[in-house]
Amino acid sequence: MKTDIKTEVRAALLNNAALVSLLGGQRVYQLVAPKADEYPRITFFEVTNYDAAFADDVPIMADVIVQIDVWSKVSTSAISGEVNKTMKAQGWSRTSAADLYEDDTQVYHKALRYRRQYEED
């Protein structure tokens, strides 16, 4: 598969001007943010990426799930809404969403999972 999922997801999120504005800058990171106290922010990672369809015993499709986490000291609703719009525009389907609260850091956390299939090269 030629598609670099992580680069594609990050670029799509950063191309949403309303989202970048809500974040206060380009605060979209793979796995971890460089500053532990930077809020609001988004982190994301690839949950699964596996062969999903075959032709003549050769994989022709990959099934991918990514998780996008929104971290904020206040409500995550506006940011999550922009993430959702962006991901759906890129052909991703949301498979789950969970509102969480991190007691130790007093941070609101929204975990969003999306699924998409890609053609293998």
PDB file of N, CA and C in Angstrom:
ATOM      1  N   MET A   1       0.845  -1.173   0.000  1.00  0.00           N
ATOM      2  CA  MET A   1       0.000   0.000   0.000  1.00  0.00           C
ATOM      3  C   MET A   1       0.891   1.237   0.000  1.00  0.00           C
ATOM      4  N   LYS A   2       0.742   2.075  -0.981  1.00  0.00           N
ATOM      5  CA  LYS A   2       1.557   3.282  -1.089  1.00  0.00           C
ATOM      6  C   LYS A   2       1.083   4.390  -0.149  1.00  0.00           C
ATOM      7  N   THR A   3      -0.197   4.412   0.152  1.00  0.00           N
ATOM      8  CA  THR A   3      -0.768   5.470   0.964  1.00  0.00           C
ATOM      9  C   THR A   3      -0.152   5.468   2.355  1.00  0.00           C
ATOM     10  N   ASP A   4       0.358   6.618   2.773  1.00  0.00           N
ATOM     11  CA  ASP A   4       0.853   6.778   4.140  1.00  0.00           C
ATOM     12  C   ASP A   4      -0.312   7.325   4.958  1.00  0.00           C
ATOM     13  N   ILE A   5      -0.987   6.443   5.658  1.00  0.00           N
ATOM     14  CA  ILE A   5      -2.208   6.786   6.380  1.00  0.00           C
ATOM     15  C   ILE A   5      -1.981   7.942   7.354  1.00  0.00           C
ATOM     16  N   LYS A   6      -0.925   7.856   8.133  1.00  0.00           N
ATOM     17  CA  LYS A   6      -0.700   8.866   9.169  1.00  0.00           C
ATOM     18  C   LYS A   6      -0.461  10.250   8.568  1.00  0.00           C
ATOM     19  N   THR A   7       0.318  10.311   7.495  1.00  0.00           N
ATOM     20  CA  THR A   7       0.563  11.587   6.824  1.00  0.00           C
ATOM     21  C   THR A   7      -0.728  12.136   6.235  1.00  0.00           C
ATOM     22  N   GLU A   8      -1.532  11.250   5.646  1.00  0.00           N
ATOM     23  CA  GLU A   8      -2.795  11.656   5.044  1.00  0.00           C
ATOM     24  C   GLU A   8      -3.772  12.212   6.087  1.00  0.00           C
ATOM     25  N   VAL A   9      -3.898  11.529   7.211  1.00  0.00           N
ATOM     26  CA  VAL A   9      -4.817  11.970   8.269  1.00  0.00           C
ATOM     27  C   VAL A   9      -4.375  13.316   8.832  1.00  0.00           C
ATOM     28  N   ARG A  10      -3.101  13.444   9.138  1.00  0.00           N
ATOM     29  CA  ARG A  10      -2.601  14.707   9.705  1.00  0.00           C
ATOM     30  C   ARG A  10      -2.809  15.860   8.730  1.00  0.00           C
ATOM     31  N   ALA A  11      -2.482  15.643   7.461  1.00  0.00           N
ATOM     32  CA  ALA A  11      -2.643  16.696   6.456  1.00  0.00           C
ATOM     33  C   ALA A  11      -4.105  17.112   6.320  1.00  0.00           C
ATOM     34  N   ALA A  12      -5.015  16.143   6.311  1.00  0.00           N
ATOM     35  CA  ALA A  12      -6.443  16.463   6.195  1.00  0.00           C
ATOM     36  C   ALA A  12      -6.910  17.310   7.374  1.00  0.00           C
ATOM     37  N   LEU A  13      -6.502  16.926   8.578  1.00  0.00           N
ATOM     38  CA  LEU A  13      -6.911  17.691   9.764  1.00  0.00           C
ATOM     39  C   LEU A  13      -6.333  19.104   9.731  1.00  0.00           C
ATOM     40  N   LEU A  14      -5.074  19.240   9.328  1.00  0.00           N
ATOM     41  CA  LEU A  14      -4.445  20.564   9.287  1.00  0.00           C
ATOM     42  C   LEU A  14      -4.980  21.437   8.156  1.00  0.00           C
ATOM     43  N   ASN A  15      -5.578  20.820   7.149  1.00  0.00           N
ATOM     44  CA  ASN A  15      -6.169  21.592   6.052  1.00  0.00           C
ATOM     45  C   ASN A  15      -7.534  22.167   6.418  1.00  0.00           C
ATOM     46  N   ASN A  16      -8.064  21.803   7.574  1.00  0.00           N
ATOM     47  CA  ASN A  16      -9.339  22.348   8.040  1.00  0.00           C
ATOM     48  C   ASN A  16      -9.024  23.608   8.859  1.00  0.00           C
ATOM     49  N   ALA A  17      -9.205  24.774   8.235  1.00  0.00           N
ATOM     50  CA  ALA A  17      -8.857  26.049   8.876  1.00  0.00           C
ATOM     51  C   ALA A  17      -9.653  26.287  10.161  1.00  0.00           C
ATOM     52  N   ALA A  18     -10.920  25.890  10.175  1.00  0.00           N
ATOM     53  CA  ALA A  18     -11.742  26.070  11.375  1.00  0.00           C
ATOM     54  C   ALA A  18     -11.198  25.227  12.520  1.00  0.00           C
ATOM     55  N   LEU A  19     -10.758  24.017  12.219  1.00  0.00           N
ATOM     56  CA  LEU A  19     -10.180  23.137  13.242  1.00  0.00           C
ATOM     57  C   LEU A  19      -8.886  23.714  13.788  1.00  0.00           C
ATOM     58  N   VAL A  20      -8.003  24.145  12.911  1.00  0.00           N
ATOM     59  CA  VAL A  20      -6.723  24.727  13.344  1.00  0.00           C
ATOM     60  C   VAL A  20      -6.962  25.959  14.207  1.00  0.00           C
ATOM     61  N   SER A  21      -7.969  26.740  13.854  1.00  0.00           N
ATOM     62  CA  SER A  21      -8.317  27.924  14.645  1.00  0.00           C
ATOM     63  C   SER A  21      -8.792  27.529  16.040  1.00  0.00           C
ATOM     64  N   LEU A  22      -9.666  26.520  16.125  1.00  0.00           N
ATOM     65  CA  LEU A  22     -10.155  26.051  17.427  1.00  0.00           C
ATOM     66  C   LEU A  22      -9.014  25.509  18.291  1.00  0.00           C
ATOM     67  N   LEU A  23      -8.023  24.899  17.647  1.00  0.00           N
ATOM     68  CA  LEU A  23      -6.870  24.347  18.377  1.00  0.00           C
ATOM     69  C   LEU A  23      -5.871  25.422  18.791  1.00  0.00           C
ATOM     70  N   GLY A  24      -5.961  26.603  18.191  1.00  0.00           N
ATOM     71  CA  GLY A  24      -5.003  27.665  18.484  1.00  0.00           C
ATOM     72  C   GLY A  24      -3.684  27.456  17.760  1.00  0.00           C
ATOM     73  N   GLY A  25      -3.712  26.732  16.657  1.00  0.00           N
ATOM     74  CA  GLY A  25      -2.503  26.454  15.882  1.00  0.00           C
ATOM     75  C   GLY A  25      -2.500  25.023  15.389  1.00  0.00           C
ATOM     76  N   GLN A  26      -1.409  24.620  14.780  1.00  0.00           N
ATOM     77  CA  GLN A  26      -1.305  23.287  14.172  1.00  0.00           C
ATOM     78  C   GLN A  26      -0.957  22.231  15.219  1.00  0.00           C
ATOM     79  N   ARG A  27      -1.843  22.042  16.151  1.00  0.00           N
ATOM     80  CA  ARG A  27      -1.622  21.122  17.279  1.00  0.00           C
ATOM     81  C   ARG A  27      -2.205  19.732  16.997  1.00  0.00           C
ATOM     82  N   VAL A  28      -1.692  19.087  15.977  1.00  0.00           N
ATOM     83  CA  VAL A  28      -2.121  17.743  15.585  1.00  0.00           C
ATOM     84  C   VAL A  28      -0.878  16.876  15.545  1.00  0.00           C
ATOM     85  N   TYR A  29      -0.829  15.869  16.419  1.00  0.00           N
ATOM     86  CA  TYR A  29       0.394  15.080  16.589  1.00  0.00           C
ATOM     87  C   TYR A  29       0.126  13.584  16.520  1.00  0.00           C
ATOM     88  N   GLN A  30       1.108  12.869  16.015  1.00  0.00           N
ATOM     89  CA  GLN A  30       1.030  11.417  16.027  1.00  0.00           C
ATOM     90  C   GLN A  30       1.465  10.925  17.403  1.00  0.00           C
ATOM     91  N   LEU A  31       0.598  10.203  18.067  1.00  0.00           N
ATOM     92  CA  LEU A  31       0.797   9.586  19.383  1.00  0.00           C
ATOM     93  C   LEU A  31       0.933  10.562  20.542  1.00  0.00           C
ATOM     94  N   VAL A  32       1.922  11.437  20.534  1.00  0.00           N
ATOM     95  CA  VAL A  32       2.145  12.328  21.681  1.00  0.00           C
ATOM     96  C   VAL A  32       2.428  13.755  21.237  1.00  0.00           C
ATOM     97  N   ALA A  33       2.001  14.687  22.059  1.00  0.00           N
ATOM     98  CA  ALA A  33       2.300  16.096  21.811  1.00  0.00           C
ATOM     99  C   ALA A  33       3.673  16.416  22.399  1.00  0.00           C
ATOM    100  N   PRO A  34       4.409  17.319  21.769  1.00  0.00           N
ATOM    101  CA  PRO A  34       5.743  17.657  22.293  1.00  0.00           C
ATOM    102  C   PRO A  34       5.705  18.372  23.647  1.00  0.00           C
ATOM    103  N   LYS A  35       4.591  19.069  23.936  1.00  0.00           N
ATOM    104  CA  LYS A  35       4.445  19.771  25.213  1.00  0.00           C
ATOM    105  C   LYS A  35       3.282  19.143  25.975  1.00  0.00           C
ATOM    106  N   ALA A  36       3.538  18.643  27.138  1.00  0.00           N
ATOM    107  CA  ALA A  36       2.515  17.937  27.922  1.00  0.00           C
ATOM    108  C   ALA A  36       1.364  18.841  28.346  1.00  0.00           C
ATOM    109  N   ASP A  37       1.598  20.145  28.452  1.00  0.00           N
ATOM    110  CA  ASP A  37       0.562  21.052  28.946  1.00  0.00           C
ATOM    111  C   ASP A  37      -0.080  21.896  27.840  1.00  0.00           C
ATOM    112  N   GLU A  38       0.045  21.471  26.587  1.00  0.00           N
ATOM    113  CA  GLU A  38      -0.512  22.215  25.466  1.00  0.00           C
ATOM    114  C   GLU A  38      -1.954  21.772  25.192  1.00  0.00           C
ATOM    115  N   TYR A  39      -2.908  22.660  25.443  1.00  0.00           N
ATOM    116  CA  TYR A  39      -4.323  22.372  25.220  1.00  0.00           C
ATOM    117  C   TYR A  39      -4.973  23.556  24.536  1.00  0.00           C
ATOM    118  N   PRO A  40      -5.957  23.318  23.703  1.00  0.00           N
ATOM    119  CA  PRO A  40      -6.400  22.010  23.219  1.00  0.00           C
ATOM    120  C   PRO A  40      -5.404  21.452  22.210  1.00  0.00           C
ATOM    121  N   ARG A  41      -5.521  20.137  21.973  1.00  0.00           N
ATOM    122  CA  ARG A  41      -4.656  19.479  21.004  1.00  0.00           C
ATOM    123  C   ARG A  41      -5.320  18.187  20.538  1.00  0.00           C
ATOM    124  N   ILE A  42      -4.755  17.639  19.468  1.00  0.00           N
ATOM    125  CA  ILE A  42      -5.204  16.370  18.925  1.00  0.00           C
ATOM    126  C   ILE A  42      -4.000  15.447  18.832  1.00  0.00           C
ATOM    127  N   THR A  43      -4.203  14.199  19.231  1.00  0.00           N
ATOM    128  CA  THR A  43      -3.223  13.157  18.951  1.00  0.00           C
ATOM    129  C   THR A  43      -3.959  12.051  18.197  1.00  0.00           C
ATOM    130  N   PHE A  44      -3.222  11.276  17.437  1.00  0.00           N
ATOM    131  CA  PHE A  44      -3.857  10.200  16.682  1.00  0.00           C
ATOM    132  C   PHE A  44      -2.875   9.057  16.479  1.00  0.00           C
ATOM    133  N   PHE A  45      -3.428   7.882  16.183  1.00  0.00           N
ATOM    134  CA  PHE A  45      -2.592   6.722  15.885  1.00  0.00           C
ATOM    135  C   PHE A  45      -3.391   5.704  15.092  1.00  0.00           C
ATOM    136  N   GLU A  46      -2.665   4.828  14.436  1.00  0.00           N
ATOM    137  CA  GLU A  46      -3.257   3.745  13.667  1.00  0.00           C
ATOM    138  C   GLU A  46      -3.522   2.585  14.615  1.00  0.00           C
ATOM    139  N   VAL A  47      -4.772   2.156  14.710  1.00  0.00           N
ATOM    140  CA  VAL A  47      -5.157   1.066  15.603  1.00  0.00           C
ATOM    141  C   VAL A  47      -4.923  -0.276  14.921  1.00  0.00           C
ATOM    142  N   THR A  48      -5.442  -0.411  13.704  1.00  0.00           N
ATOM    143  CA  THR A  48      -5.238  -1.634  12.926  1.00  0.00           C
ATOM    144  C   THR A  48      -5.033  -1.276  11.463  1.00  0.00           C
ATOM    145  N   ASN A  49      -4.347  -2.169  10.767  1.00  0.00           N
ATOM    146  CA  ASN A  49      -4.120  -2.033   9.332  1.00  0.00           C
ATOM    147  C   ASN A  49      -3.837  -3.441   8.837  1.00  0.00           C
ATOM    148  N   TYR A  50      -4.846  -4.061   8.230  1.00  0.00           N
ATOM    149  CA  TYR A  50      -4.671  -5.457   7.836  1.00  0.00           C
ATOM    150  C   TYR A  50      -5.261  -5.714   6.449  1.00  0.00           C
ATOM    151  N   ASP A  51      -4.801  -6.805   5.832  1.00  0.00           N
ATOM    152  CA  ASP A  51      -5.313  -7.209   4.529  1.00  0.00           C
ATOM    153  C   ASP A  51      -6.779  -7.594   4.677  1.00  0.00           C
ATOM    154  N   ALA A  52      -7.625  -7.022   3.801  1.00  0.00           N
ATOM    155  CA  ALA A  52      -9.064  -7.223   3.949  1.00  0.00           C
ATOM    156  C   ALA A  52      -9.706  -7.961   2.785  1.00  0.00           C
ATOM    157  N   ALA A  53      -9.074  -7.967   1.648  1.00  0.00           N
ATOM    158  CA  ALA A  53      -9.632  -8.666   0.485  1.00  0.00           C
ATOM    159  C   ALA A  53      -8.472  -9.208  -0.333  1.00  0.00           C
ATOM    160  N   PHE A  54      -8.725 -10.336  -0.995  1.00  0.00           N
ATOM    161  CA  PHE A  54      -7.672 -11.005  -1.746  1.00  0.00           C
ATOM    162  C   PHE A  54      -8.167 -11.386  -3.134  1.00  0.00           C
ATOM    163  N   ALA A  55      -7.235 -11.437  -4.084  1.00  0.00           N
ATOM    164  CA  ALA A  55      -7.497 -11.960  -5.422  1.00  0.00           C
ATOM    165  C   ALA A  55      -6.297 -12.830  -5.770  1.00  0.00           C
ATOM    166  N   ASP A  56      -6.549 -14.072  -6.067  1.00  0.00           N
ATOM    167  CA  ASP A  56      -5.464 -15.028  -6.360  1.00  0.00           C
ATOM    168  C   ASP A  56      -4.442 -15.059  -5.228  1.00  0.00           C
ATOM    169  N   ASP A  57      -4.943 -15.064  -3.999  1.00  0.00           N
ATOM    170  CA  ASP A  57      -4.108 -15.118  -2.794  1.00  0.00           C
ATOM    171  C   ASP A  57      -3.202 -13.897  -2.598  1.00  0.00           C
ATOM    172  N   VAL A  58      -3.511 -12.804  -3.276  1.00  0.00           N
ATOM    173  CA  VAL A  58      -2.736 -11.564  -3.147  1.00  0.00           C
ATOM    174  C   VAL A  58      -3.654 -10.509  -2.533  1.00  0.00           C
ATOM    175  N   PRO A  59      -3.195  -9.818  -1.486  1.00  0.00           N
ATOM    176  CA  PRO A  59      -4.062  -8.783  -0.882  1.00  0.00           C
ATOM    177  C   PRO A  59      -4.321  -7.647  -1.864  1.00  0.00           C
ATOM    178  N   ILE A  60      -5.591  -7.254  -1.959  1.00  0.00           N
ATOM    179  CA  ILE A  60      -5.953  -6.147  -2.845  1.00  0.00           C
ATOM    180  C   ILE A  60      -6.581  -4.974  -2.083  1.00  0.00           C
ATOM    181  N   MET A  61      -6.934  -5.203  -0.816  1.00  0.00           N
ATOM    182  CA  MET A  61      -7.513  -4.136   0.007  1.00  0.00           C
ATOM    183  C   MET A  61      -6.914  -4.190   1.405  1.00  0.00           C
ATOM    184  N   ALA A  62      -6.763  -3.016   2.004  1.00  0.00           N
ATOM    185  CA  ALA A  62      -6.347  -2.927   3.400  1.00  0.00           C
ATOM    186  C   ALA A  62      -7.486  -2.286   4.175  1.00  0.00           C
ATOM    187  N   ASP A  63      -7.767  -2.801   5.344  1.00  0.00           N
ATOM    188  CA  ASP A  63      -8.785  -2.262   6.231  1.00  0.00           C
ATOM    189  C   ASP A  63      -8.044  -1.545   7.358  1.00  0.00           C
ATOM    190  N   VAL A  64      -8.313  -0.253   7.525  1.00  0.00           N
ATOM    191  CA  VAL A  64      -7.552   0.567   8.461  1.00  0.00           C
ATOM    192  C   VAL A  64      -8.486   1.233   9.471  1.00  0.00           C
ATOM    193  N   ILE A  65      -8.089   1.216  10.721  1.00  0.00           N
ATOM    194  CA  ILE A  65      -8.795   1.957  11.768  1.00  0.00           C
ATOM    195  C   ILE A  65      -7.795   2.908  12.421  1.00  0.00           C
ATOM    196  N   VAL A  66      -8.194   4.167  12.537  1.00  0.00           N
ATOM    197  CA  VAL A  66      -7.376   5.153  13.245  1.00  0.00           C
ATOM    198  C   VAL A  66      -8.176   5.694  14.419  1.00  0.00           C
ATOM    199  N   GLN A  67      -7.459   6.073  15.462  1.00  0.00           N
ATOM    200  CA  GLN A  67      -8.091   6.750  16.598  1.00  0.00           C
ATOM    201  C   GLN A  67      -7.556   8.164  16.658  1.00  0.00           C
ATOM    202  N   ILE A  68      -8.476   9.102  16.805  1.00  0.00           N
ATOM    203  CA  ILE A  68      -8.133  10.516  16.947  1.00  0.00           C
ATOM    204  C   ILE A  68      -8.628  10.943  18.320  1.00  0.00           C
ATOM    205  N   ASP A  69      -7.711  11.457  19.122  1.00  0.00           N
ATOM    206  CA  ASP A  69      -8.035  11.884  20.478  1.00  0.00           C
ATOM    207  C   ASP A  69      -7.992  13.399  20.567  1.00  0.00           C
ATOM    208  N   VAL A  70      -9.064  13.979  21.079  1.00  0.00           N
ATOM    209  CA  VAL A  70      -9.147  15.419  21.311  1.00  0.00           C
ATOM    210  C   VAL A  70      -8.950  15.644  22.799  1.00  0.00           C
ATOM    211  N   TRP A  71      -8.031  16.541  23.134  1.00  0.00           N
ATOM    212  CA  TRP A  71      -7.697  16.852  24.525  1.00  0.00           C
ATOM    213  C   TRP A  71      -7.943  18.332  24.761  1.00  0.00           C
ATOM    214  N   SER A  72      -8.702  18.668  25.812  1.00  0.00           N
ATOM    215  CA  SER A  72      -9.022  20.060  26.069  1.00  0.00           C
ATOM    216  C   SER A  72      -9.322  20.293  27.546  1.00  0.00           C
ATOM    217  N   LYS A  73      -9.079  21.493  28.005  1.00  0.00           N
ATOM    218  CA  LYS A  73      -9.416  21.876  29.378  1.00  0.00           C
ATOM    219  C   LYS A  73     -10.897  22.252  29.490  1.00  0.00           C
ATOM    220  N   VAL A  74     -11.557  22.433  28.347  1.00  0.00           N
ATOM    221  CA  VAL A  74     -12.988  22.729  28.303  1.00  0.00           C
ATOM    222  C   VAL A  74     -13.653  21.727  27.361  1.00  0.00           C
ATOM    223  N   SER A  75     -14.856  21.961  26.977  1.00  0.00           N
ATOM    224  CA  SER A  75     -15.596  21.038  26.112  1.00  0.00           C
ATOM    225  C   SER A  75     -14.827  20.676  24.836  1.00  0.00           C
ATOM    226  N   THR A  76     -14.961  19.427  24.436  1.00  0.00           N
ATOM    227  CA  THR A  76     -14.323  18.950  23.200  1.00  0.00           C
ATOM    228  C   THR A  76     -15.284  18.970  22.011  1.00  0.00           C
ATOM    229  N   SER A  77     -16.517  19.404  22.214  1.00  0.00           N
ATOM    230  CA  SER A  77     -17.568  19.279  21.196  1.00  0.00           C
ATOM    231  C   SER A  77     -17.255  19.970  19.876  1.00  0.00           C
ATOM    232  N   ALA A  78     -16.854  21.228  19.893  1.00  0.00           N
ATOM    233  CA  ALA A  78     -16.601  21.963  18.650  1.00  0.00           C
ATOM    234  C   ALA A  78     -15.442  21.339  17.874  1.00  0.00           C
ATOM    235  N   ILE A  79     -14.371  21.005  18.574  1.00  0.00           N
ATOM    236  CA  ILE A  79     -13.204  20.408  17.923  1.00  0.00           C
ATOM    237  C   ILE A  79     -13.569  19.042  17.358  1.00  0.00           C
ATOM    238  N   SER A  80     -14.266  18.239  18.130  1.00  0.00           N
ATOM    239  CA  SER A  80     -14.675  16.907  17.680  1.00  0.00           C
ATOM    240  C   SER A  80     -15.574  16.997  16.449  1.00  0.00           C
ATOM    241  N   GLY A  81     -16.438  17.991  16.412  1.00  0.00           N
ATOM    242  CA  GLY A  81     -17.312  18.187  15.256  1.00  0.00           C
ATOM    243  C   GLY A  81     -16.525  18.471  13.993  1.00  0.00           C
ATOM    244  N   GLU A  82     -15.490  19.287  14.112  1.00  0.00           N
ATOM    245  CA  GLU A  82     -14.638  19.590  12.951  1.00  0.00           C
ATOM    246  C   GLU A  82     -13.821  18.375  12.533  1.00  0.00           C
ATOM    247  N   VAL A  83     -13.338  17.604  13.498  1.00  0.00           N
ATOM    248  CA  VAL A  83     -12.615  16.365  13.179  1.00  0.00           C
ATOM    249  C   VAL A  83     -13.547  15.441  12.400  1.00  0.00           C
ATOM    250  N   ASN A  84     -14.753  15.288  12.882  1.00  0.00           N
ATOM    251  CA  ASN A  84     -15.708  14.395  12.244  1.00  0.00           C
ATOM    252  C   ASN A  84     -16.009  14.827  10.806  1.00  0.00           C
ATOM    253  N   LYS A  85     -16.236  16.122  10.589  1.00  0.00           N
ATOM    254  CA  LYS A  85     -16.490  16.635   9.244  1.00  0.00           C
ATOM    255  C   LYS A  85     -15.312  16.334   8.320  1.00  0.00           C
ATOM    256  N   THR A  86     -14.118  16.560   8.821  1.00  0.00           N
ATOM    257  CA  THR A  86     -12.913  16.336   8.029  1.00  0.00           C
ATOM    258  C   THR A  86     -12.751  14.873   7.651  1.00  0.00           C
ATOM    259  N   MET A  87     -12.893  14.000   8.629  1.00  0.00           N
ATOM    260  CA  MET A  87     -12.688  12.577   8.368  1.00  0.00           C
ATOM    261  C   MET A  87     -13.743  12.033   7.408  1.00  0.00           C
ATOM    262  N   LYS A  88     -14.988  12.425   7.578  1.00  0.00           N
ATOM    263  CA  LYS A  88     -16.046  11.955   6.680  1.00  0.00           C
ATOM    264  C   LYS A  88     -15.812  12.453   5.258  1.00  0.00           C
ATOM    265  N   ALA A  89     -15.319  13.689   5.118  1.00  0.00           N
ATOM    266  CA  ALA A  89     -15.015  14.232   3.791  1.00  0.00           C
ATOM    267  C   ALA A  89     -13.889  13.452   3.112  1.00  0.00           C
ATOM    268  N   GLN A  90     -13.041  12.797   3.906  1.00  0.00           N
ATOM    269  CA  GLN A  90     -11.933  11.999   3.373  1.00  0.00           C
ATOM    270  C   GLN A  90     -12.330  10.542   3.135  1.00  0.00           C
ATOM    271  N   GLY A  91     -13.602  10.206   3.366  1.00  0.00           N
ATOM    272  CA  GLY A  91     -14.072   8.862   3.106  1.00  0.00           C
ATOM    273  C   GLY A  91     -14.005   7.901   4.280  1.00  0.00           C
ATOM    274  N   TRP A  92     -13.746   8.412   5.478  1.00  0.00           N
ATOM    275  CA  TRP A  92     -13.678   7.582   6.678  1.00  0.00           C
ATOM    276  C   TRP A  92     -15.070   7.469   7.298  1.00  0.00           C
ATOM    277  N   SER A  93     -15.361   6.336   7.928  1.00  0.00           N
ATOM    278  CA  SER A  93     -16.606   6.124   8.667  1.00  0.00           C
ATOM    279  C   SER A  93     -16.283   6.080  10.156  1.00  0.00           C
ATOM    280  N   ARG A  94     -17.038   6.818  10.957  1.00  0.00           N
ATOM    281  CA  ARG A  94     -16.803   6.782  12.407  1.00  0.00           C
ATOM    282  C   ARG A  94     -17.366   5.474  12.956  1.00  0.00           C
ATOM    283  N   THR A  95     -16.558   4.751  13.694  1.00  0.00           N
ATOM    284  CA  THR A  95     -16.998   3.480  14.273  1.00  0.00           C
ATOM    285  C   THR A  95     -17.279   3.602  15.760  1.00  0.00           C
ATOM    286  N   SER A  96     -16.725   4.636  16.416  1.00  0.00           N
ATOM    287  CA  SER A  96     -17.024   4.847  17.831  1.00  0.00           C
ATOM    288  C   SER A  96     -16.587   6.237  18.255  1.00  0.00           C
ATOM    289  N   ALA A  97     -17.181   6.680  19.354  1.00  0.00           N
ATOM    290  CA  ALA A  97     -16.821   7.957  19.966  1.00  0.00           C
ATOM    291  C   ALA A  97     -17.096   7.838  21.460  1.00  0.00           C
ATOM    292  N   ALA A  98     -16.166   8.281  22.266  1.00  0.00           N
ATOM    293  CA  ALA A  98     -16.334   8.174  23.717  1.00  0.00           C
ATOM    294  C   ALA A  98     -15.894   9.468  24.391  1.00  0.00           C
ATOM    295  N   ASP A  99     -16.742   9.965  25.284  1.00  0.00           N
ATOM    296  CA  ASP A  99     -16.391  11.114  26.116  1.00  0.00           C
ATOM    297  C   ASP A  99     -15.709  10.592  27.364  1.00  0.00           C
ATOM    298  N   LEU A 100     -14.517  11.102  27.626  1.00  0.00           N
ATOM    299  CA  LEU A 100     -13.730  10.674  28.783  1.00  0.00           C
ATOM    300  C   LEU A 100     -13.264  11.901  29.555  1.00  0.00           C
ATOM    301  N   TYR A 101     -12.846  11.681  30.768  1.00  0.00           N
ATOM    302  CA  TYR A 101     -12.256  12.754  31.574  1.00  0.00           C
ATOM    303  C   TYR A 101     -11.063  12.180  32.303  1.00  0.00           C
ATOM    304  N   GLU A 102      -9.944  12.860  32.167  1.00  0.00           N
ATOM    305  CA  GLU A 102      -8.704  12.414  32.806  1.00  0.00           C
ATOM    306  C   GLU A 102      -8.587  13.114  34.168  1.00  0.00           C
ATOM    307  N   ASP A 103      -8.885  12.385  35.244  1.00  0.00           N
ATOM    308  CA  ASP A 103      -8.877  12.966  36.589  1.00  0.00           C
ATOM    309  C   ASP A 103      -7.522  13.527  36.997  1.00  0.00           C
ATOM    310  N   ASP A 104      -6.452  12.818  36.639  1.00  0.00           N
ATOM    311  CA  ASP A 104      -5.117  13.232  37.087  1.00  0.00           C
ATOM    312  C   ASP A 104      -4.687  14.579  36.500  1.00  0.00           C
ATOM    313  N   THR A 105      -5.089  14.875  35.245  1.00  0.00           N
ATOM    314  CA  THR A 105      -4.696  16.134  34.608  1.00  0.00           C
ATOM    315  C   THR A 105      -5.863  17.113  34.482  1.00  0.00           C
ATOM    316  N   GLN A 106      -7.054  16.679  34.858  1.00  0.00           N
ATOM    317  CA  GLN A 106      -8.276  17.480  34.739  1.00  0.00           C
ATOM    318  C   GLN A 106      -8.490  17.953  33.301  1.00  0.00           C
ATOM    319  N   VAL A 107      -8.410  16.986  32.383  1.00  0.00           N
ATOM    320  CA  VAL A 107      -8.537  17.270  30.957  1.00  0.00           C
ATOM    321  C   VAL A 107      -9.691  16.452  30.382  1.00  0.00           C
ATOM    322  N   TYR A 108     -10.501  17.122  29.563  1.00  0.00           N
ATOM    323  CA  TYR A 108     -11.553  16.429  28.827  1.00  0.00           C
ATOM    324  C   TYR A 108     -10.907  15.732  27.635  1.00  0.00           C
ATOM    325  N   HIS A 109     -11.363  14.526  27.356  1.00  0.00           N
ATOM    326  CA  HIS A 109     -10.740  13.688  26.328  1.00  0.00           C
ATOM    327  C   HIS A 109     -11.852  13.032  25.521  1.00  0.00           C
ATOM    328  N   LYS A 110     -11.838  13.268  24.225  1.00  0.00           N
ATOM    329  CA  LYS A 110     -12.811  12.629  23.326  1.00  0.00           C
ATOM    330  C   LYS A 110     -12.022  11.678  22.434  1.00  0.00           C
ATOM    331  N   ALA A 111     -12.372  10.393  22.479  1.00  0.00           N
ATOM    332  CA  ALA A 111     -11.718   9.379  21.658  1.00  0.00           C
ATOM    333  C   ALA A 111     -12.630   9.031  20.489  1.00  0.00           C
ATOM    334  N   LEU A 112     -12.146   9.247  19.281  1.00  0.00           N
ATOM    335  CA  LEU A 112     -12.918   8.997  18.064  1.00  0.00           C
ATOM    336  C   LEU A 112     -12.202   7.954  17.219  1.00  0.00           C
ATOM    337  N   ARG A 113     -12.927   6.949  16.758  1.00  0.00           N
ATOM    338  CA  ARG A 113     -12.331   5.935  15.886  1.00  0.00           C
ATOM    339  C   ARG A 113     -13.018   5.955  14.524  1.00  0.00           C
ATOM    340  N   TYR A 114     -12.182   5.825  13.490  1.00  0.00           N
ATOM    341  CA  TYR A 114     -12.649   5.851  12.106  1.00  0.00           C
ATOM    342  C   TYR A 114     -12.081   4.668  11.336  1.00  0.00           C
ATOM    343  N   ARG A 115     -12.860   4.196  10.363  1.00  0.00           N
ATOM    344  CA  ARG A 115     -12.466   3.044   9.551  1.00  0.00           C
ATOM    345  C   ARG A 115     -12.567   3.396   8.074  1.00  0.00           C
ATOM    346  N   ARG A 116     -11.615   2.854   7.309  1.00  0.00           N
ATOM    347  CA  ARG A 116     -11.624   3.066   5.860  1.00  0.00           C
ATOM    348  C   ARG A 116     -10.878   1.917   5.198  1.00  0.00           C
ATOM    349  N   GLN A 117     -11.297   1.570   3.991  1.00  0.00           N
ATOM    350  CA  GLN A 117     -10.567   0.571   3.220  1.00  0.00           C
ATOM    351  C   GLN A 117      -9.809   1.257   2.084  1.00  0.00           C
ATOM    352  N   TYR A 118      -8.612   0.745   1.839  1.00  0.00           N
ATOM    353  CA  TYR A 118      -7.740   1.259   0.786  1.00  0.00           C
ATOM    354  C   TYR A 118      -7.384   0.152  -0.179  1.00  0.00           C
ATOM    355  N   GLU A 119      -7.260   0.499  -1.439  1.00  0.00           N
ATOM    356  CA  GLU A 119      -6.772  -0.479  -2.407  1.00  0.00           C
ATOM    357  C   GLU A 119      -5.272  -0.658  -2.234  1.00  0.00           C
ATOM    358  N   GLU A 120      -4.832  -1.915  -2.271  1.00  0.00           N
ATOM    359  CA  GLU A 120      -3.412  -2.223  -2.239  1.00  0.00           C
ATOM    360  C   GLU A 120      -2.816  -2.001  -3.610  1.00  0.00           C
ATOM    361  N   ASP A 121      -1.564  -1.604  -3.665  1.00  0.00           N
ATOM    362  CA  ASP A 121      -0.877  -1.429  -4.954  1.00  0.00           C
ATOM    363  C   ASP A 121      -0.172  -2.692  -5.368  1.00  0.00           C
TER     364      ASP A 121
END
